[in-house]
Amino acid sequence: DIVVSVIAGVSVTTLVLIATLPAPDRSVAEAMIA
């Protein structure tokens, strides 16, 4: 249970950190705003 919990926690934390990185391409967002 502990191993599965740690793997799940590390995976979700990694995904959140990746998702919060600055977006390299803002062209779609700028097009929607425009």
All heavy atoms as atom14 arrays in JSON, in Angstrom:
{
  "sequence": "DIVVSVIAGVSVTTLVLIATLPAPDRSVAEAMIA",
  "atom14_mask": [
    [1, 1, 1, 1, 1, 1, 1, 1, 0, 0, 0, 0, 0, 0],
    [1, 1, 1, 1, 1, 1, 1, 1, 0, 0, 0, 0, 0, 0],
    [1, 1, 1, 1, 1, 1, 1, 0, 0, 0, 0, 0, 0, 0],
    [1, 1, 1, 1, 1, 1, 1, 0, 0, 0, 0, 0, 0, 0],
    [1, 1, 1, 1, 1, 1, 0, 0, 0, 0, 0, 0, 0, 0],
    [1, 1, 1, 1, 1, 1, 1, 0, 0, 0, 0, 0, 0, 0],
    [1, 1, 1, 1, 1, 1, 1, 1, 0, 0, 0, 0, 0, 0],
    [1, 1, 1, 1, 1, 0, 0, 0, 0, 0, 0, 0, 0, 0],
    [1, 1, 1, 1, 0, 0, 0, 0, 0, 0, 0, 0, 0, 0],
    [1, 1, 1, 1, 1, 1, 1, 0, 0, 0, 0, 0, 0, 0],
    [1, 1, 1, 1, 1, 1, 0, 0, 0, 0, 0, 0, 0, 0],
    [1, 1, 1, 1, 1, 1, 1, 0, 0, 0, 0, 0, 0, 0],
    [1, 1, 1, 1, 1, 1, 1, 0, 0, 0, 0, 0, 0, 0],
    [1, 1, 1, 1, 1, 1, 1, 0, 0, 0, 0, 0, 0, 0],
    [1, 1, 1, 1, 1, 1, 1, 1, 0, 0, 0, 0, 0, 0],
    [1, 1, 1, 1, 1, 1, 1, 0, 0, 0, 0, 0, 0, 0],
    [1, 1, 1, 1, 1, 1, 1, 1, 0, 0, 0, 0, 0, 0],
    [1, 1, 1, 1, 1, 1, 1, 1, 0, 0, 0, 0, 0, 0],
    [1, 1, 1, 1, 1, 0, 0, 0, 0, 0, 0, 0, 0, 0],
    [1, 1, 1, 1, 1, 1, 1, 0, 0, 0, 0, 0, 0, 0],
    [1, 1, 1, 1, 1, 1, 1, 1, 0, 0, 0, 0, 0, 0],
    [1, 1, 1, 1, 1, 1, 1, 0, 0, 0, 0, 0, 0, 0],
    [1, 1, 1, 1, 1, 0, 0, 0, 0, 0, 0, 0, 0, 0],
    [1, 1, 1, 1, 1, 1, 1, 0, 0, 0, 0, 0, 0, 0],
    [1, 1, 1, 1, 1, 1, 1, 1, 0, 0, 0, 0, 0, 0],
    [1, 1, 1, 1, 1, 1, 1, 1, 1, 1, 1, 0, 0, 0],
    [1, 1, 1, 1, 1, 1, 0, 0, 0, 0, 0, 0, 0, 0],
    [1, 1, 1, 1, 1, 1, 1, 0, 0, 0, 0, 0, 0, 0],
    [1, 1, 1, 1, 1, 0, 0, 0, 0, 0, 0, 0, 0, 0],
    [1, 1, 1, 1, 1, 1, 1, 1, 1, 0, 0, 0, 0, 0],
    [1, 1, 1, 1, 1, 0, 0, 0, 0, 0, 0, 0, 0, 0],
    [1, 1, 1, 1, 1, 1, 1, 1, 0, 0, 0, 0, 0, 0],
    [1, 1, 1, 1, 1, 1, 1, 1, 0, 0, 0, 0, 0, 0],
    [1, 1, 1, 1, 1, 0, 0, 0, 0, 0, 0, 0, 0, 0]
  ],
  "atom14_positions": [
    [[0.83, -1.2, 0.0], [0.0, 0.0, 0.0], [0.87, 1.25, 0.0], [0.58, 2.22, -0.71], [-0.92, 0.03, 1.22], [-1.97, -1.07, 1.19], [-2.17, -1.68, 0.12], [-2.58, -1.3, 2.24], [0.0, 0.0, 0.0], [0.0, 0.0, 0.0], [0.0, 0.0, 0.0], [0.0, 0.0, 0.0], [0.0, 0.0, 0.0], [0.0, 0.0, 0.0]],
    [[1.91, 1.23, 0.79], [2.8, 2.39, 0.89], [3.52, 2.62, -0.44], [3.62, 3.77, -0.9], [3.81, 2.21, 2.04], [3.07, 2.25, 3.38], [4.89, 3.27, 1.99], [3.92, 1.84, 4.56], [0.0, 0.0, 0.0], [0.0, 0.0, 0.0], [0.0, 0.0, 0.0], [0.0, 0.0, 0.0], [0.0, 0.0, 0.0], [0.0, 0.0, 0.0]],
    [[3.99, 1.56, -1.07], [4.69, 1.68, -2.34], [3.76, 2.26, -3.41], [4.12, 3.19, -4.14], [5.26, 0.32, -2.8], [5.75, 0.36, -4.23], [6.39, -0.12, -1.87], [0.0, 0.0, 0.0], [0.0, 0.0, 0.0], [0.0, 0.0, 0.0], [0.0, 0.0, 0.0], [0.0, 0.0, 0.0], [0.0, 0.0, 0.0], [0.0, 0.0, 0.0]],
    [[2.54, 1.74, -3.49], [1.58, 2.25, -4.47], [1.26, 3.72, -4.19], [1.17, 4.54, -5.11], [0.3, 1.39, -4.46], [-0.81, 2.04, -5.28], [0.6, -0.01, -4.99], [0.0, 0.0, 0.0], [0.0, 0.0, 0.0], [0.0, 0.0, 0.0], [0.0, 0.0, 0.0], [0.0, 0.0, 0.0], [0.0, 0.0, 0.0], [0.0, 0.0, 0.0]],
    [[1.09, 4.07, -2.92], [0.78, 5.45, -2.55], [1.92, 6.4, -2.93], [1.68, 7.5, -3.45], [0.51, 5.56, -1.05], [-0.59, 4.8, -0.69], [0.0, 0.0, 0.0], [0.0, 0.0, 0.0], [0.0, 0.0, 0.0], [0.0, 0.0, 0.0], [0.0, 0.0, 0.0], [0.0, 0.0, 0.0], [0.0, 0.0, 0.0], [0.0, 0.0, 0.0]],
    [[3.15, 5.99, -2.67], [4.29, 6.84, -3.0], [4.41, 7.01, -4.51], [4.63, 8.12, -5.01], [5.59, 6.26, -2.39], [6.82, 6.95, -2.96], [5.56, 6.38, -0.88], [0.0, 0.0, 0.0], [0.0, 0.0, 0.0], [0.0, 0.0, 0.0], [0.0, 0.0, 0.0], [0.0, 0.0, 0.0], [0.0, 0.0, 0.0], [0.0, 0.0, 0.0]],
    [[4.25, 5.93, -5.26], [4.32, 6.02, -6.72], [3.23, 6.94, -7.25], [3.49, 7.81, -8.1], [4.23, 4.62, -7.37], [5.5, 3.82, -7.08], [3.98, 4.72, -8.87], [5.43, 2.37, -7.49], [0.0, 0.0, 0.0], [0.0, 0.0, 0.0], [0.0, 0.0, 0.0], [0.0, 0.0, 0.0], [0.0, 0.0, 0.0], [0.0, 0.0, 0.0]],
    [[2.0, 6.8, -6.74], [0.9, 7.66, -7.19], [1.18, 9.11, -6.83], [0.96, 10.02, -7.65], [-0.42, 7.2, -6.58], [0.0, 0.0, 0.0], [0.0, 0.0, 0.0], [0.0, 0.0, 0.0], [0.0, 0.0, 0.0], [0.0, 0.0, 0.0], [0.0, 0.0, 0.0], [0.0, 0.0, 0.0], [0.0, 0.0, 0.0], [0.0, 0.0, 0.0]],
    [[1.65, 9.37, -5.61], [1.93, 10.74, -5.18], [3.02, 11.39, -6.0], [2.89, 12.55, -6.42], [0.0, 0.0, 0.0], [0.0, 0.0, 0.0], [0.0, 0.0, 0.0], [0.0, 0.0, 0.0], [0.0, 0.0, 0.0], [0.0, 0.0, 0.0], [0.0, 0.0, 0.0], [0.0, 0.0, 0.0], [0.0, 0.0, 0.0], [0.0, 0.0, 0.0]],
    [[4.09, 10.65, -6.26], [5.19, 11.19, -7.06], [4.74, 11.44, -8.5], [5.07, 12.46, -9.1], [6.42, 10.25, -7.01], [7.46, 10.63, -8.05], [7.03, 10.26, -5.62], [0.0, 0.0, 0.0], [0.0, 0.0, 0.0], [0.0, 0.0, 0.0], [0.0, 0.0, 0.0], [0.0, 0.0, 0.0], [0.0, 0.0, 0.0], [0.0, 0.0, 0.0]],
    [[3.94, 10.53, -9.04], [3.45, 10.69, -10.41], [2.57, 11.93, -10.54], [2.75, 12.73, -11.47], [2.65, 9.46, -10.85], [3.46, 8.32, -10.81], [0.0, 0.0, 0.0], [0.0, 0.0, 0.0], [0.0, 0.0, 0.0], [0.0, 0.0, 0.0], [0.0, 0.0, 0.0], [0.0, 0.0, 0.0], [0.0, 0.0, 0.0], [0.0, 0.0, 0.0]],
    [[1.63, 12.1, -9.63], [0.73, 13.25, -9.7], [1.5, 14.55, -9.48], [1.29, 15.54, -10.19], [-0.42, 13.11, -8.68], [-1.21, 14.39, -8.55], [-1.33, 11.96, -9.08], [0.0, 0.0, 0.0], [0.0, 0.0, 0.0], [0.0, 0.0, 0.0], [0.0, 0.0, 0.0], [0.0, 0.0, 0.0], [0.0, 0.0, 0.0], [0.0, 0.0, 0.0]],
    [[2.43, 14.55, -8.53], [3.23, 15.75, -8.28], [4.04, 16.11, -9.52], [4.12, 17.28, -9.91], [4.16, 15.53, -7.08], [3.37, 15.23, -5.93], [5.01, 16.75, -6.8], [0.0, 0.0, 0.0], [0.0, 0.0, 0.0], [0.0, 0.0, 0.0], [0.0, 0.0, 0.0], [0.0, 0.0, 0.0], [0.0, 0.0, 0.0], [0.0, 0.0, 0.0]],
    [[4.64, 15.13, -10.17], [5.42, 15.37, -11.38], [4.54, 15.94, -12.49], [4.92, 16.91, -13.17], [6.09, 14.07, -11.85], [6.91, 13.56, -10.8], [6.93, 14.3, -13.09], [0.0, 0.0, 0.0], [0.0, 0.0, 0.0], [0.0, 0.0, 0.0], [0.0, 0.0, 0.0], [0.0, 0.0, 0.0], [0.0, 0.0, 0.0], [0.0, 0.0, 0.0]],
    [[3.35, 15.37, -12.67], [2.44, 15.87, -13.7], [2.0, 17.3, -13.42], [1.92, 18.13, -14.34], [1.22, 14.96, -13.81], [1.46, 13.6, -14.47], [0.23, 12.73, -14.37], [1.9, 13.77, -15.91], [0.0, 0.0, 0.0], [0.0, 0.0, 0.0], [0.0, 0.0, 0.0], [0.0, 0.0, 0.0], [0.0, 0.0, 0.0], [0.0, 0.0, 0.0]],
    [[1.73, 17.61, -12.16], [1.34, 18.99, -11.8], [2.49, 19.95, -12.07], [2.29, 21.05, -12.61], [0.87, 19.06, -10.34], [0.76, 20.5, -9.87], [-0.46, 18.35, -10.17], [0.0, 0.0, 0.0], [0.0, 0.0, 0.0], [0.0, 0.0, 0.0], [0.0, 0.0, 0.0], [0.0, 0.0, 0.0], [0.0, 0.0, 0.0], [0.0, 0.0, 0.0]],
    [[3.69, 19.56, -11.71], [4.85, 20.44, -11.94], [5.08, 20.65, -13.43], [5.4, 21.76, -13.87], [6.09, 19.86, -11.27], [6.1, 19.91, -9.75], [7.31, 19.2, -9.19], [6.03, 21.35, -9.25], [0.0, 0.0, 0.0], [0.0, 0.0, 0.0], [0.0, 0.0, 0.0], [0.0, 0.0, 0.0], [0.0, 0.0, 0.0], [0.0, 0.0, 0.0]],
    [[4.91, 19.61, -14.23], [5.07, 19.75, -15.68], [3.98, 20.65, -16.24], [4.23, 21.51, -17.09], [5.05, 18.37, -16.37], [6.33, 17.6, -16.02], [4.89, 18.5, -17.88], [6.31, 16.14, -16.45], [0.0, 0.0, 0.0], [0.0, 0.0, 0.0], [0.0, 0.0, 0.0], [0.0, 0.0, 0.0], [0.0, 0.0, 0.0], [0.0, 0.0, 0.0]],
    [[2.75, 20.48, -15.74], [1.62, 21.28, -16.25], [1.75, 22.75, -15.89], [1.2, 23.6, -16.59], [0.31, 20.72, -15.71], [0.0, 0.0, 0.0], [0.0, 0.0, 0.0], [0.0, 0.0, 0.0], [0.0, 0.0, 0.0], [0.0, 0.0, 0.0], [0.0, 0.0, 0.0], [0.0, 0.0, 0.0], [0.0, 0.0, 0.0], [0.0, 0.0, 0.0]],
    [[2.46, 23.06, -14.82], [2.58, 24.46, -14.42], [3.79, 25.16, -15.02], [3.99, 26.35, -14.75], [2.64, 24.58, -12.88], [3.73, 23.8, -12.38], [1.34, 24.12, -12.24], [0.0, 0.0, 0.0], [0.0, 0.0, 0.0], [0.0, 0.0, 0.0], [0.0, 0.0, 0.0], [0.0, 0.0, 0.0], [0.0, 0.0, 0.0], [0.0, 0.0, 0.0]],
    [[4.57, 24.46, -15.81], [5.69, 25.1, -16.5], [5.14, 26.11, -17.51], [4.04, 25.94, -18.03], [6.54, 24.06, -17.22], [7.33, 23.1, -16.34], [8.03, 22.05, -17.19], [8.36, 23.86, -15.52], [0.0, 0.0, 0.0], [0.0, 0.0, 0.0], [0.0, 0.0, 0.0], [0.0, 0.0, 0.0], [0.0, 0.0, 0.0], [0.0, 0.0, 0.0]],
    [[5.88, 27.15, -17.8], [5.38, 28.12, -18.78], [5.17, 27.47, -20.15], [5.98, 26.66, -20.59], [6.51, 29.16, -18.87], [7.39, 28.92, -17.71], [7.17, 27.52, -17.25], [0.0, 0.0, 0.0], [0.0, 0.0, 0.0], [0.0, 0.0, 0.0], [0.0, 0.0, 0.0], [0.0, 0.0, 0.0], [0.0, 0.0, 0.0], [0.0, 0.0, 0.0]],
    [[4.05, 27.83, -20.76], [3.74, 27.28, -22.07], [4.67, 27.89, -23.12], [4.78, 29.1, -23.21], [2.29, 27.57, -22.43], [0.0, 0.0, 0.0], [0.0, 0.0, 0.0], [0.0, 0.0, 0.0], [0.0, 0.0, 0.0], [0.0, 0.0, 0.0], [0.0, 0.0, 0.0], [0.0, 0.0, 0.0], [0.0, 0.0, 0.0], [0.0, 0.0, 0.0]],
    [[5.35, 27.06, -23.89], [6.29, 27.6, -24.88], [5.59, 28.28, -26.06], [6.11, 29.21, -26.63], [7.07, 26.36, -25.34], [6.18, 25.21, -25.04], [5.35, 25.61, -23.87], [0.0, 0.0, 0.0], [0.0, 0.0, 0.0], [0.0, 0.0, 0.0], [0.0, 0.0, 0.0], [0.0, 0.0, 0.0], [0.0, 0.0, 0.0], [0.0, 0.0, 0.0]],
    [[4.39, 27.83, -26.42], [3.71, 28.38, -27.59], [2.38, 28.99, -27.15], [1.46, 28.29, -26.76], [3.47, 27.27, -28.62], [2.81, 27.8, -29.87], [2.84, 29.03, -30.1], [2.26, 26.98, -30.63], [0.0, 0.0, 0.0], [0.0, 0.0, 0.0], [0.0, 0.0, 0.0], [0.0, 0.0, 0.0], [0.0, 0.0, 0.0], [0.0, 0.0, 0.0]],
    [[2.29, 30.3, -27.22], [1.07, 31.0, -26.79], [0.22, 31.44, -27.98], [-0.69, 32.24, -27.82], [1.44, 32.2, -25.93], [2.13, 31.8, -24.63], [2.14, 32.88, -23.59], [1.02, 33.78, -23.51], [-0.07, 33.58, -22.78], [-0.2, 32.49, -22.08], [-1.04, 34.49, -22.74], [0.0, 0.0, 0.0], [0.0, 0.0, 0.0], [0.0, 0.0, 0.0]],
    [[0.5, 30.91, -29.15], [-0.21, 31.38, -30.34], [-1.7, 31.06, -30.28], [-2.53, 31.88, -30.72], [0.41, 30.79, -31.61], [0.32, 29.38, -31.57], [0.0, 0.0, 0.0], [0.0, 0.0, 0.0], [0.0, 0.0, 0.0], [0.0, 0.0, 0.0], [0.0, 0.0, 0.0], [0.0, 0.0, 0.0], [0.0, 0.0, 0.0], [0.0, 0.0, 0.0]],
    [[-2.07, 29.91, -29.76], [-3.49, 29.56, -29.67], [-4.19, 30.48, -28.67], [-5.28, 30.99, -28.95], [-3.66, 28.07, -29.27], [-5.11, 27.75, -29.01], [-3.09, 27.17, -30.34], [0.0, 0.0, 0.0], [0.0, 0.0, 0.0], [0.0, 0.0, 0.0], [0.0, 0.0, 0.0], [0.0, 0.0, 0.0], [0.0, 0.0, 0.0], [0.0, 0.0, 0.0]],
    [[-3.57, 30.7, -27.51], [-4.16, 31.58, -26.51], [-4.32, 32.99, -27.06], [-5.36, 33.64, -26.87], [-3.3, 31.59, -25.25], [0.0, 0.0, 0.0], [0.0, 0.0, 0.0], [0.0, 0.0, 0.0], [0.0, 0.0, 0.0], [0.0, 0.0, 0.0], [0.0, 0.0, 0.0], [0.0, 0.0, 0.0], [0.0, 0.0, 0.0], [0.0, 0.0, 0.0]],
    [[-3.31, 33.48, -27.75], [-3.39, 34.82, -28.32], [-4.46, 34.92, -29.39], [-5.17, 35.93, -29.49], [-2.02, 35.23, -28.86], [-1.0, 35.47, -27.76], [0.43, 35.57, -28.27], [0.65, 35.46, -29.49], [1.33, 35.77, -27.43], [0.0, 0.0, 0.0], [0.0, 0.0, 0.0], [0.0, 0.0, 0.0], [0.0, 0.0, 0.0], [0.0, 0.0, 0.0]],
    [[-4.62, 33.86, -30.19], [-5.67, 33.85, -31.22], [-7.05, 33.88, -30.58], [-7.95, 34.6, -31.04], [-5.52, 32.63, -32.11], [0.0, 0.0, 0.0], [0.0, 0.0, 0.0], [0.0, 0.0, 0.0], [0.0, 0.0, 0.0], [0.0, 0.0, 0.0], [0.0, 0.0, 0.0], [0.0, 0.0, 0.0], [0.0, 0.0, 0.0], [0.0, 0.0, 0.0]],
    [[-7.24, 33.12, -29.51], [-8.53, 33.11, -28.82], [-8.84, 34.48, -28.22], [-9.97, 34.95, -28.27], [-8.55, 32.05, -27.72], [-8.5, 30.64, -28.22], [-10.0, 30.23, -29.09], [-9.54, 28.69, -29.83], [0.0, 0.0, 0.0], [0.0, 0.0, 0.0], [0.0, 0.0, 0.0], [0.0, 0.0, 0.0], [0.0, 0.0, 0.0], [0.0, 0.0, 0.0]],
    [[-7.84, 35.1, -27.63], [-8.02, 36.44, -27.05], [-8.37, 37.44, -28.15], [-9.28, 38.27, -28.0], [-6.77, 36.87, -26.28], [-6.61, 35.99, -25.01], [-6.83, 38.33, -25.9], [-5.26, 36.13, -24.33], [0.0, 0.0, 0.0], [0.0, 0.0, 0.0], [0.0, 0.0, 0.0], [0.0, 0.0, 0.0], [0.0, 0.0, 0.0], [0.0, 0.0, 0.0]],
    [[-7.67, 37.36, -29.28], [-7.9, 38.3, -30.38], [-9.27, 38.11, -31.02], [-9.89, 39.09, -31.46], [-6.8, 38.15, -31.42], [0.0, 0.0, 0.0], [0.0, 0.0, 0.0], [0.0, 0.0, 0.0], [0.0, 0.0, 0.0], [0.0, 0.0, 0.0], [0.0, 0.0, 0.0], [0.0, 0.0, 0.0], [0.0, 0.0, 0.0], [0.0, 0.0, 0.0]]
  ]
}
